[in-house]
C-alpha atoms as a PDB file:
ATOM      1  CA  MET A   1     -17.216   2.872 -10.689  1.00  0.00           C
ATOM      2  CA  ASN A   2     -18.162   0.678  -7.739  1.00  0.00           C
ATOM      3  CA  LYS A   3     -19.822   1.958  -4.584  1.00  0.00           C
ATOM      4  CA  GLY A   4     -17.392   2.495  -1.728  1.00  0.00           C
ATOM      5  CA  GLU A   5     -14.180   2.517  -3.767  1.00  0.00           C
ATOM      6  CA  ILE A   6     -11.462   5.067  -4.417  1.00  0.00           C
ATOM      7  CA  PHE A   7     -11.321   5.382  -8.195  1.00  0.00           C
ATOM      8  CA  GLY A   8      -8.294   7.069  -9.747  1.00  0.00           C
ATOM      9  CA  ILE A   9      -8.048   8.867 -13.089  1.00  0.00           C
ATOM     10  CA  ILE A  10      -4.484   9.345 -14.321  1.00  0.00           C
ATOM     11  CA  GLY A  11      -2.901  10.619 -17.497  1.00  0.00           C
ATOM     12  CA  PRO A  12      -0.478  13.254 -18.824  1.00  0.00           C
ATOM     13  CA  ASN A  13      -1.242  16.968 -18.768  1.00  0.00           C
ATOM     14  CA  GLY A  14      -3.955  17.717 -21.311  1.00  0.00           C
ATOM     15  CA  ALA A  15      -5.251  14.131 -21.340  1.00  0.00           C
ATOM     16  CA  GLY A  16      -8.717  15.209 -20.216  1.00  0.00           C
ATOM     17  CA  LYS A  17      -8.718  14.351 -16.486  1.00  0.00           C
ATOM     18  CA  THR A  18     -10.130  17.643 -15.204  1.00  0.00           C
ATOM     19  CA  THR A  19     -12.493  17.945 -18.170  1.00  0.00           C
ATOM     20  CA  THR A  20     -13.862  14.476 -17.377  1.00  0.00           C
ATOM     21  CA  LEU A  21     -14.512  15.485 -13.774  1.00  0.00           C
ATOM     22  CA  GLU A  22     -16.153  18.764 -14.772  1.00  0.00           C
ATOM     23  CA  ILE A  23     -18.531  16.921 -17.110  1.00  0.00           C
ATOM     24  CA  LEU A  24     -19.454  14.457 -14.349  1.00  0.00           C
ATOM     25  CA  GLU A  25     -19.974  17.354 -11.944  1.00  0.00           C
ATOM     26  CA  GLY A  26     -22.219  19.213 -14.401  1.00  0.00           C
ATOM     27  CA  ILE A  27     -19.800  22.131 -14.796  1.00  0.00           C
ATOM     28  CA  GLN A  28     -19.123  21.404 -18.477  1.00  0.00           C
ATOM     29  CA  LYS A  29     -21.494  20.038 -21.096  1.00  0.00           C
ATOM     30  CA  PRO A  30     -20.291  17.020 -23.092  1.00  0.00           C
ATOM     31  CA  THR A  31     -19.853  17.616 -26.815  1.00  0.00           C
ATOM     32  CA  SER A  32     -21.261  14.148 -27.533  1.00  0.00           C
ATOM     33  CA  GLY A  33     -22.512  11.031 -25.781  1.00  0.00           C
ATOM     34  CA  GLU A  34     -24.557  10.643 -22.614  1.00  0.00           C
ATOM     35  CA  VAL A  35     -23.549  11.084 -18.976  1.00  0.00           C
ATOM     36  CA  GLU A  36     -25.227   9.635 -15.902  1.00  0.00           C
ATOM     37  CA  VAL A  37     -24.036  10.162 -12.327  1.00  0.00           C
ATOM     38  CA  LEU A  38     -25.854   8.463  -9.433  1.00  0.00           C
ATOM     39  CA  GLY A  39     -28.681   7.811 -11.866  1.00  0.00           C
ATOM     40  CA  LEU A  40     -28.975  11.521 -12.689  1.00  0.00           C
ATOM     41  CA  ASN A  41     -28.309  13.574 -15.807  1.00  0.00           C
ATOM     42  CA  PRO A  42     -25.891  16.381 -14.784  1.00  0.00           C
ATOM     43  CA  GLU A  43     -27.314  18.749 -17.413  1.00  0.00           C
ATOM     44  CA  LYS A  44     -30.969  18.281 -16.485  1.00  0.00           C
ATOM     45  CA  GLN A  45     -30.829  17.363 -12.777  1.00  0.00           C
ATOM     46  CA  LEU A  46     -27.889  19.421 -11.531  1.00  0.00           C
ATOM     47  CA  ARG A  47     -29.569  20.721  -8.358  1.00  0.00           C
ATOM     48  CA  GLU A  48     -30.405  17.207  -7.183  1.00  0.00           C
ATOM     49  CA  LEU A  49     -26.908  16.021  -8.161  1.00  0.00           C
ATOM     50  CA  ASN A  50     -25.255  18.816  -6.175  1.00  0.00           C
ATOM     51  CA  ARG A  51     -27.001  17.613  -3.030  1.00  0.00           C
ATOM     52  CA  ARG A  52     -25.445  14.182  -3.419  1.00  0.00           C
ATOM     53  CA  ILE A  53     -21.888  14.950  -4.542  1.00  0.00           C
ATOM     54  CA  GLY A  54     -18.937  16.851  -3.094  1.00  0.00           C
ATOM     55  CA  VAL A  55     -16.185  18.556  -5.082  1.00  0.00           C
ATOM     56  CA  GLN A  56     -12.676  19.625  -4.148  1.00  0.00           C
ATOM     57  CA  PHE A  57     -11.220  21.641  -7.022  1.00  0.00           C
ATOM     58  CA  GLN A  58      -7.519  22.070  -7.773  1.00  0.00           C
ATOM     59  CA  ALA A  59      -7.924  25.664  -6.540  1.00  0.00           C
ATOM     60  CA  THR A  60     -10.921  26.518  -4.347  1.00  0.00           C
ATOM     61  CA  SER A  61     -11.646  30.243  -4.184  1.00  0.00           C
ATOM     62  CA  ILE A  62     -11.924  31.383  -0.554  1.00  0.00           C
ATOM     63  CA  GLN A  63     -11.498  34.966   0.584  1.00  0.00           C
ATOM     64  CA  LYS A  64      -7.977  35.438   1.911  1.00  0.00           C
ATOM     65  CA  LYS A  65      -9.082  37.141   5.132  1.00  0.00           C
ATOM     66  CA  MET A  66     -11.833  34.630   5.891  1.00  0.00           C
ATOM     67  CA  LYS A  67     -11.133  32.526   8.935  1.00  0.00           C
ATOM     68  CA  VAL A  68     -11.407  28.750   8.789  1.00  0.00           C
ATOM     69  CA  LYS A  69     -14.383  28.774  11.175  1.00  0.00           C
ATOM     70  CA  GLU A  70     -16.153  31.406   9.052  1.00  0.00           C
ATOM     71  CA  ALA A  71     -15.642  29.360   5.891  1.00  0.00           C
ATOM     72  CA  LEU A  72     -17.015  26.219   7.555  1.00  0.00           C
ATOM     73  CA  ASP A  73     -20.050  28.098   8.880  1.00  0.00           C
ATOM     74  CA  LEU A  74     -20.709  29.750   5.511  1.00  0.00           C
ATOM     75  CA  PHE A  75     -20.545  26.528   3.533  1.00  0.00           C
ATOM     76  CA  SER A  76     -22.632  24.702   6.150  1.00  0.00           C
ATOM     77  CA  SER A  77     -25.394  27.268   5.617  1.00  0.00           C
ATOM     78  CA  PHE A  78     -25.694  26.136   1.986  1.00  0.00           C
ATOM     79  CA  TYR A  79     -27.193  22.789   3.029  1.00  0.00           C
ATOM     80  CA  LYS A  80     -30.520  21.974   4.603  1.00  0.00           C
ATOM     81  CA  GLY A  81     -30.328  20.152   7.891  1.00  0.00           C
ATOM     82  CA  LYS A  82     -27.315  19.380  10.052  1.00  0.00           C
ATOM     83  CA  THR A  83     -23.878  18.909   8.491  1.00  0.00           C
ATOM     84  CA  GLN A  84     -20.931  16.883   9.794  1.00  0.00           C
ATOM     85  CA  LYS A  85     -18.903  20.044  10.463  1.00  0.00           C
ATOM     86  CA  ASP A  86     -17.966  19.160  14.045  1.00  0.00           C
ATOM     87  CA  GLN A  87     -16.918  15.620  13.110  1.00  0.00           C
ATOM     88  CA  LEU A  88     -14.753  16.916  10.254  1.00  0.00           C
ATOM     89  CA  ILE A  89     -13.078  19.495  12.500  1.00  0.00           C
ATOM     90  CA  ARG A  90     -12.040  16.663  14.803  1.00  0.00           C
ATOM     91  CA  MET A  91     -11.130  14.227  12.022  1.00  0.00           C
ATOM     92  CA  LEU A  92      -8.981  16.754  10.158  1.00  0.00           C
ATOM     93  CA  ASP A  93      -7.463  18.256  13.327  1.00  0.00           C
ATOM     94  CA  LEU A  94      -8.748  21.734  12.491  1.00  0.00           C
ATOM     95  CA  GLU A  95      -9.456  22.860  16.073  1.00  0.00           C
ATOM     96  CA  GLU A  96      -6.293  24.954  16.374  1.00  0.00           C
ATOM     97  CA  LYS A  97      -6.784  26.522  12.930  1.00  0.00           C
ATOM     98  CA  LEU A  98     -10.378  27.729  13.303  1.00  0.00           C
ATOM     99  CA  ASN A  99      -9.400  31.361  13.910  1.00  0.00           C
ATOM    100  CA  VAL A 100      -6.605  31.433  11.317  1.00  0.00           C
ATOM    101  CA  HIS A 101      -7.142  33.375   8.083  1.00  0.00           C
ATOM    102  CA  PHE A 102      -7.152  31.183   4.965  1.00  0.00           C
ATOM    103  CA  GLU A 103      -4.210  33.096   3.434  1.00  0.00           C
ATOM    104  CA  ASP A 104      -2.058  32.267   6.474  1.00  0.00           C
ATOM    105  CA  LEU A 105      -2.476  28.497   6.143  1.00  0.00           C
ATOM    106  CA  SER A 106       0.198  26.283   4.614  1.00  0.00           C
ATOM    107  CA  GLY A 107      -0.633  24.327   1.468  1.00  0.00           C
ATOM    108  CA  GLY A 108      -1.378  21.183   3.458  1.00  0.00           C
ATOM    109  CA  TRP A 109      -3.773  22.941   5.831  1.00  0.00           C
ATOM    110  CA  LYS A 110      -5.528  24.667   2.925  1.00  0.00           C
ATOM    111  CA  GLN A 111      -6.118  21.231   1.410  1.00  0.00           C
ATOM    112  CA  ARG A 112      -7.581  19.998   4.693  1.00  0.00           C
ATOM    113  CA  VAL A 113      -9.966  22.955   4.861  1.00  0.00           C
ATOM    114  CA  THR A 114     -11.148  22.588   1.247  1.00  0.00           C
ATOM    115  CA  LEU A 115     -11.588  18.845   1.814  1.00  0.00           C
ATOM    116  CA  ALA A 116     -13.788  19.627   4.820  1.00  0.00           C
ATOM    117  CA  LEU A 117     -15.834  22.128   2.788  1.00  0.00           C
ATOM    118  CA  ALA A 118     -16.395  19.516   0.071  1.00  0.00           C
ATOM    119  CA  THR A 119     -17.620  16.876   2.519  1.00  0.00           C
ATOM    120  CA  LEU A 120     -19.728  18.856   5.013  1.00  0.00           C
ATOM    121  CA  HIS A 121     -22.950  17.234   3.766  1.00  0.00           C
ATOM    122  CA  GLN A 122     -21.452  13.696   3.729  1.00  0.00           C
ATOM    123  CA  PRO A 123     -21.763  13.235  -0.049  1.00  0.00           C
ATOM    124  CA  GLU A 124     -22.381   9.858  -1.610  1.00  0.00           C
ATOM    125  CA  LEU A 125     -19.825  10.653  -4.305  1.00  0.00           C
ATOM    126  CA  LEU A 126     -16.774  12.832  -3.753  1.00  0.00           C
ATOM    127  CA  PHE A 127     -14.649  14.291  -6.581  1.00  0.00           C
ATOM    128  CA  LEU A 128     -11.070  15.274  -5.711  1.00  0.00           C
ATOM    129  CA  ASP A 129      -9.055  17.002  -8.441  1.00  0.00           C
ATOM    130  CA  GLU A 130      -5.314  16.624  -7.715  1.00  0.00           C
ATOM    131  CA  PRO A 131      -5.804  16.649  -3.919  1.00  0.00           C
ATOM    132  CA  SER A 132      -2.079  16.207  -3.211  1.00  0.00           C
ATOM    133  CA  MET A 133      -0.749  18.793  -5.643  1.00  0.00           C
ATOM    134  CA  GLY A 134       1.956  20.915  -4.038  1.00  0.00           C
ATOM    135  CA  LEU A 135       2.085  18.925  -0.807  1.00  0.00           C
ATOM    136  CA  ASP A 136       5.315  17.604   0.669  1.00  0.00           C
ATOM    137  CA  PRO A 137       5.623  13.793   0.987  1.00  0.00           C
ATOM    138  CA  HIS A 138       4.539  13.763   4.661  1.00  0.00           C
ATOM    139  CA  ALA A 139       1.480  15.956   4.043  1.00  0.00           C
ATOM    140  CA  ARG A 140       0.623  13.854   0.992  1.00  0.00           C
ATOM    141  CA  ARG A 141       0.512  10.673   3.045  1.00  0.00           C
ATOM    142  CA  GLU A 142      -1.605  12.396   5.679  1.00  0.00           C
ATOM    143  CA  MET A 143      -4.028  13.389   2.912  1.00  0.00           C
ATOM    144  CA  TRP A 144      -4.204   9.770   1.747  1.00  0.00           C
ATOM    145  CA  GLY A 145      -5.184   8.708   5.262  1.00  0.00           C
ATOM    146  CA  MET A 146      -7.965  11.309   5.360  1.00  0.00           C
ATOM    147  CA  ILE A 147      -9.278  10.193   1.970  1.00  0.00           C
ATOM    148  CA  ARG A 148      -9.330   6.554   3.108  1.00  0.00           C
ATOM    149  CA  THR A 149     -11.226   7.580   6.252  1.00  0.00           C
ATOM    150  CA  LEU A 150     -13.841   9.389   4.152  1.00  0.00           C
ATOM    151  CA  ARG A 151     -14.182   6.267   1.999  1.00  0.00           C
ATOM    152  CA  ASP A 152     -14.598   4.112   5.102  1.00  0.00           C
ATOM    153  CA  ARG A 153     -17.304   6.500   6.345  1.00  0.00           C
ATOM    154  CA  GLY A 154     -19.430   5.818   3.282  1.00  0.00           C
ATOM    155  CA  SER A 155     -18.311   8.037   0.396  1.00  0.00           C
ATOM    156  CA  THR A 156     -17.320   6.757  -3.017  1.00  0.00           C
ATOM    157  CA  ILE A 157     -14.343   8.823  -4.155  1.00  0.00           C
ATOM    158  CA  VAL A 158     -13.015   9.796  -7.588  1.00  0.00           C
ATOM    159  CA  VAL A 159      -9.464  11.172  -7.615  1.00  0.00           C
ATOM    160  CA  THR A 160      -7.439  12.665 -10.439  1.00  0.00           C
ATOM    161  CA  THR A 161      -3.693  12.643  -9.929  1.00  0.00           C
ATOM    162  CA  HIS A 162      -0.405  12.869 -11.767  1.00  0.00           C
ATOM    163  CA  TYR A 163       1.423  11.165  -8.894  1.00  0.00           C
ATOM    164  CA  MET A 164       1.736   7.527  -9.931  1.00  0.00           C
ATOM    165  CA  GLU A 165       2.692   6.498  -6.387  1.00  0.00           C
ATOM    166  CA  GLU A 166      -0.547   8.071  -5.164  1.00  0.00           C
ATOM    167  CA  ALA A 167      -2.633   6.133  -7.671  1.00  0.00           C
ATOM    168  CA  GLU A 168      -0.824   2.893  -6.865  1.00  0.00           C
ATOM    169  CA  LYS A 169      -1.085   3.136  -3.073  1.00  0.00           C
ATOM    170  CA  LEU A 170      -4.417   4.934  -2.651  1.00  0.00           C
ATOM    171  CA  CYS A 171      -6.794   3.767  -5.382  1.00  0.00           C
ATOM    172  CA  ASP A 172      -8.821   0.566  -5.546  1.00  0.00           C
ATOM    173  CA  ARG A 173      -9.030   0.911  -9.344  1.00  0.00           C
ATOM    174  CA  VAL A 174      -7.330   3.179 -11.860  1.00  0.00           C
ATOM    175  CA  ALA A 175      -8.300   4.491 -15.295  1.00  0.00           C
ATOM    176  CA  MET A 176      -5.510   5.685 -17.598  1.00  0.00           C
ATOM    177  CA  ILE A 177      -6.610   8.394 -20.033  1.00  0.00           C
ATOM    178  CA  TYR A 178      -4.687   9.665 -23.053  1.00  0.00           C
ATOM    179  CA  SER A 179      -5.959  12.244 -25.525  1.00  0.00           C
ATOM    180  CA  GLY A 180      -9.464  11.898 -24.090  1.00  0.00           C
ATOM    181  CA  GLU A 181      -9.534   8.117 -24.579  1.00  0.00           C
ATOM    182  CA  LEU A 182      -9.565   5.344 -21.993  1.00  0.00           C
ATOM    183  CA  LYS A 183      -6.437   3.228 -22.456  1.00  0.00           C
ATOM    184  CA  ALA A 184      -6.473   0.982 -19.382  1.00  0.00           C
ATOM    185  CA  LEU A 185      -8.822   0.222 -16.484  1.00  0.00           C
ATOM    186  CA  ASN A 186      -8.196  -2.127 -13.577  1.00  0.00           C
ATOM    187  CA  SER A 187      -6.820  -2.364 -10.064  1.00  0.00           C
ATOM    188  CA  PRO A 188      -3.213  -1.178  -9.736  1.00  0.00           C
ATOM    189  CA  ASP A 189      -2.051  -4.743  -9.020  1.00  0.00           C
ATOM    190  CA  ALA A 190      -3.849  -6.098 -12.082  1.00  0.00           C
ATOM    191  CA  LEU A 191      -2.402  -3.367 -14.303  1.00  0.00           C
ATOM    192  CA  LEU A 192       1.070  -4.157 -13.023  1.00  0.00           C
ATOM    193  CA  GLU A 193       0.668  -7.794 -14.011  1.00  0.00           C
ATOM    194  CA  ASP A 194       1.191  -6.529 -17.544  1.00  0.00           C
ATOM    195  CA  VAL A 195       4.431  -8.307 -18.478  1.00  0.00           C
ATOM    196  CA  ALA A 196       5.766  -5.146 -20.115  1.00  0.00           C
ATOM    197  CA  THR A 197       6.092  -3.553 -16.693  1.00  0.00           C
ATOM    198  CA  HIS A 198       8.467  -6.252 -15.474  1.00  0.00           C
ATOM    199  CA  TYR A 199      12.139  -5.622 -15.985  1.00  0.00           C
ATOM    200  CA  ILE A 200      15.679  -6.815 -15.440  1.00  0.00           C
ATOM    201  CA  ALA A 201      17.955  -4.524 -13.451  1.00  0.00           C
ATOM    202  CA  PHE A 202      21.746  -4.708 -13.342  1.00  0.00           C
ATOM    203  CA  GLU A 203      24.940  -2.657 -13.221  1.00  0.00           C
ATOM    204  CA  SER A 204      27.611  -2.747 -15.893  1.00  0.00           C
ATOM    205  CA  GLY A 205      30.343  -0.443 -17.135  1.00  0.00           C
ATOM    206  CA  ARG A 206      30.671  -2.098 -20.553  1.00  0.00           C
ATOM    207  CA  MET A 207      27.202  -3.300 -21.586  1.00  0.00           C
ATOM    208  CA  PRO A 208      26.266  -1.661 -24.936  1.00  0.00           C
ATOM    209  CA  TYR A 209      22.904   0.088 -24.698  1.00  0.00           C
ATOM    210  CA  GLU A 210      22.379  -0.432 -28.442  1.00  0.00           C
ATOM    211  CA  TYR A 211      22.728  -4.214 -28.126  1.00  0.00           C
ATOM    212  CA  LEU A 212      19.932  -4.424 -25.550  1.00  0.00           C
ATOM    213  CA  LEU A 213      17.585  -2.586 -27.922  1.00  0.00           C
ATOM    214  CA  THR A 214      18.070  -5.307 -30.561  1.00  0.00           C
ATOM    215  CA  LEU A 215      16.724  -8.114 -28.353  1.00  0.00           C
ATOM    216  CA  SER A 216      13.421  -9.386 -29.713  1.00  0.00           C
ATOM    217  CA  ASP A 217      11.313  -9.302 -26.526  1.00  0.00           C
ATOM    218  CA  VAL A 218      12.638  -6.033 -25.163  1.00  0.00           C
ATOM    219  CA  VAL A 219      10.073  -3.233 -24.923  1.00  0.00           C
ATOM    220  CA  ARG A 220      12.228  -0.454 -23.502  1.00  0.00           C
ATOM    221  CA  VAL A 221      15.691   0.114 -22.051  1.00  0.00           C
ATOM    222  CA  GLU A 222      16.566   2.753 -19.478  1.00  0.00           C
ATOM    223  CA  LYS A 223      20.167   3.639 -18.656  1.00  0.00           C
ATOM    224  CA  GLU A 224      21.463   6.001 -15.978  1.00  0.00           C
ATOM    225  CA  GLU A 225      25.254   5.963 -15.847  1.00  0.00           C
ATOM    226  CA  GLY A 226      26.031   2.253 -15.378  1.00  0.00           C
ATOM    227  CA  ASN A 227      22.574   1.239 -14.108  1.00  0.00           C
ATOM    228  CA  PHE A 228      20.265  -0.512 -16.570  1.00  0.00           C
ATOM    229  CA  LYS A 229      16.567  -1.337 -16.603  1.00  0.00           C
ATOM    230  CA  VAL A 230      15.519  -3.703 -19.393  1.00  0.00           C
ATOM    231  CA  PHE A 231      11.739  -4.002 -19.805  1.00  0.00           C
ATOM    232  CA  SER A 232      10.820  -7.217 -21.564  1.00  0.00           C
ATOM    233  CA  GLU A 233       7.805  -9.333 -22.468  1.00  0.00           C
ATOM    234  CA  ASN A 234       9.842 -12.493 -21.770  1.00  0.00           C
ATOM    235  CA  LEU A 235      12.215 -11.939 -18.870  1.00  0.00           C
ATOM    236  CA  GLN A 236      13.659 -15.458 -18.887  1.00  0.00           C
ATOM    237  CA  HIS A 237      14.563 -15.384 -22.586  1.00  0.00           C
ATOM    238  CA  THR A 238      15.964 -11.872 -22.356  1.00  0.00           C
ATOM    239  CA  ALA A 239      18.075 -12.803 -19.328  1.00  0.00           C
ATOM    240  CA  TYR A 240      19.448 -15.824 -21.205  1.00  0.00           C
ATOM    241  CA  GLN A 241      20.420 -13.607 -24.172  1.00  0.00           C
ATOM    242  CA  ILE A 242      22.125 -11.084 -21.882  1.00  0.00           C
ATOM    243  CA  PHE A 243      24.076 -13.757 -19.982  1.00  0.00           C
ATOM    244  CA  THR A 244      25.150 -15.443 -23.219  1.00  0.00           C
ATOM    245  CA  TYR A 245      26.326 -12.146 -24.701  1.00  0.00           C
ATOM    246  CA  CYS A 246      28.218 -11.188 -21.542  1.00  0.00           C
ATOM    247  CA  HIS A 247      29.906 -14.603 -21.391  1.00  0.00           C
ATOM    248  CA  ASP A 248      31.044 -14.329 -25.010  1.00  0.00           C
ATOM    249  CA  GLU A 249      32.219 -10.712 -24.616  1.00  0.00           C
ATOM    250  CA  ASN A 250      33.687 -11.177 -21.122  1.00  0.00           C
ATOM    251  CA  ILE A 251      31.405  -8.460 -19.658  1.00  0.00           C
ATOM    252  CA  GLU A 252      30.800  -8.412 -15.914  1.00  0.00           C
ATOM    253  CA  LEU A 253      27.307  -7.731 -14.502  1.00  0.00           C
ATOM    254  CA  LYS A 254      26.564  -6.697 -10.930  1.00  0.00           C
ATOM    255  CA  ASN A 255      23.359  -6.743  -8.854  1.00  0.00           C
ATOM    256  CA  PHE A 256      21.404  -8.633 -11.542  1.00  0.00           C
ATOM    257  CA  LYS A 257      17.748  -9.028 -10.481  1.00  0.00           C
ATOM    258  CA  PHE A 258      14.190  -9.307 -11.725  1.00  0.00           C
ATOM    259  CA  GLU A 259      11.857  -6.507 -10.677  1.00  0.00           C
ATOM    260  CA  ARG A 260       8.185  -5.621 -11.032  1.00  0.00           C
ATOM    261  CA  GLY A 261       7.649  -2.111 -12.349  1.00  0.00           C
ATOM    262  CA  SER A 262       5.406   0.584 -10.942  1.00  0.00           C
ATOM    263  CA  LEU A 263       2.451   2.470 -12.394  1.00  0.00           C
ATOM    264  CA  ASP A 264       5.020   5.106 -13.308  1.00  0.00           C
ATOM    265  CA  ASP A 265       6.709   2.574 -15.614  1.00  0.00           C
ATOM    266  CA  LEU A 266       3.376   1.591 -17.155  1.00  0.00           C
ATOM    267  CA  PHE A 267       2.546   5.287 -17.551  1.00  0.00           C
ATOM    268  CA  VAL A 268       5.797   5.853 -19.497  1.00  0.00           C
ATOM    269  CA  GLN A 269       5.084   2.795 -21.639  1.00  0.00           C
ATOM    270  CA  TYR A 270       1.695   4.132 -22.721  1.00  0.00           C
ATOM    271  CA  LEU A 271       3.153   7.583 -23.379  1.00  0.00           C
ATOM    272  CA  GLU A 272       5.742   6.068 -25.691  1.00  0.00           C
ATOM    273  CA  LYS A 273       3.048   4.123 -27.516  1.00  0.00           C
ATOM    274  CA  GLU A 274       1.135   7.371 -28.004  1.00  0.00           C
ATOM    275  CA  LYS A 275       4.201   9.082 -29.448  1.00  0.00           C
ATOM    276  CA  THR A 276       4.989   6.269 -31.868  1.00  0.00           C
ATOM    277  CA  GLY A 277       1.345   5.851 -32.868  1.00  0.00           C
END
């Protein structure tokens, strides 16, 4: 990964996202190969690595009756020298929550607190495992803003997520992992230039789904009631075939348009490739 970027790791459940992070963090030992993080070997130089990284787990264990201020003070005591506790309290708007017990916080506020605990020592490299899990859309976008701010303040950030919108809007680069193997790596925009994520959208009450599947350049067809998405490697040729067929069969199309897919579409495409081998 590059210094100062937000690097996303995405993939289906069981793909190896959390395992990858735990190996990089020195929590798990790799079964083969070599690992180097910030020039350090996590197995042999874990203490030095821990001083330079921050980790927000999917579920951070904090005593239910511990107040936010107590948690911040406790975690600050783990580090030598001054931490950025006061700056984080202001940045994450924690002032009014300092005397609230952890168990009484909403999911979004718990995520803010655990993010603060992971970044007290201003780590060079920050690992966030599903930081938006369980958050409502508004809280999720607030979390994205906080993560960008941490990046702008000097941290390189690695994020695992199963929200494709999060990966697309938040990350500078994305790695797609399936069955423990790297399948794609690039910026979201570059990944979406893959022609198989472009599609034709239209409405029709009579278009046969089976016919669309026979077209030579078509990768996938999605149908929901009378709404179609036709993913193709050659949109112009596919559109010509559809128009010709509809003219011959006297089929009316509505709202015909070319669209660029999302990372979610690319994600589904890779999943289907995995299933078919």
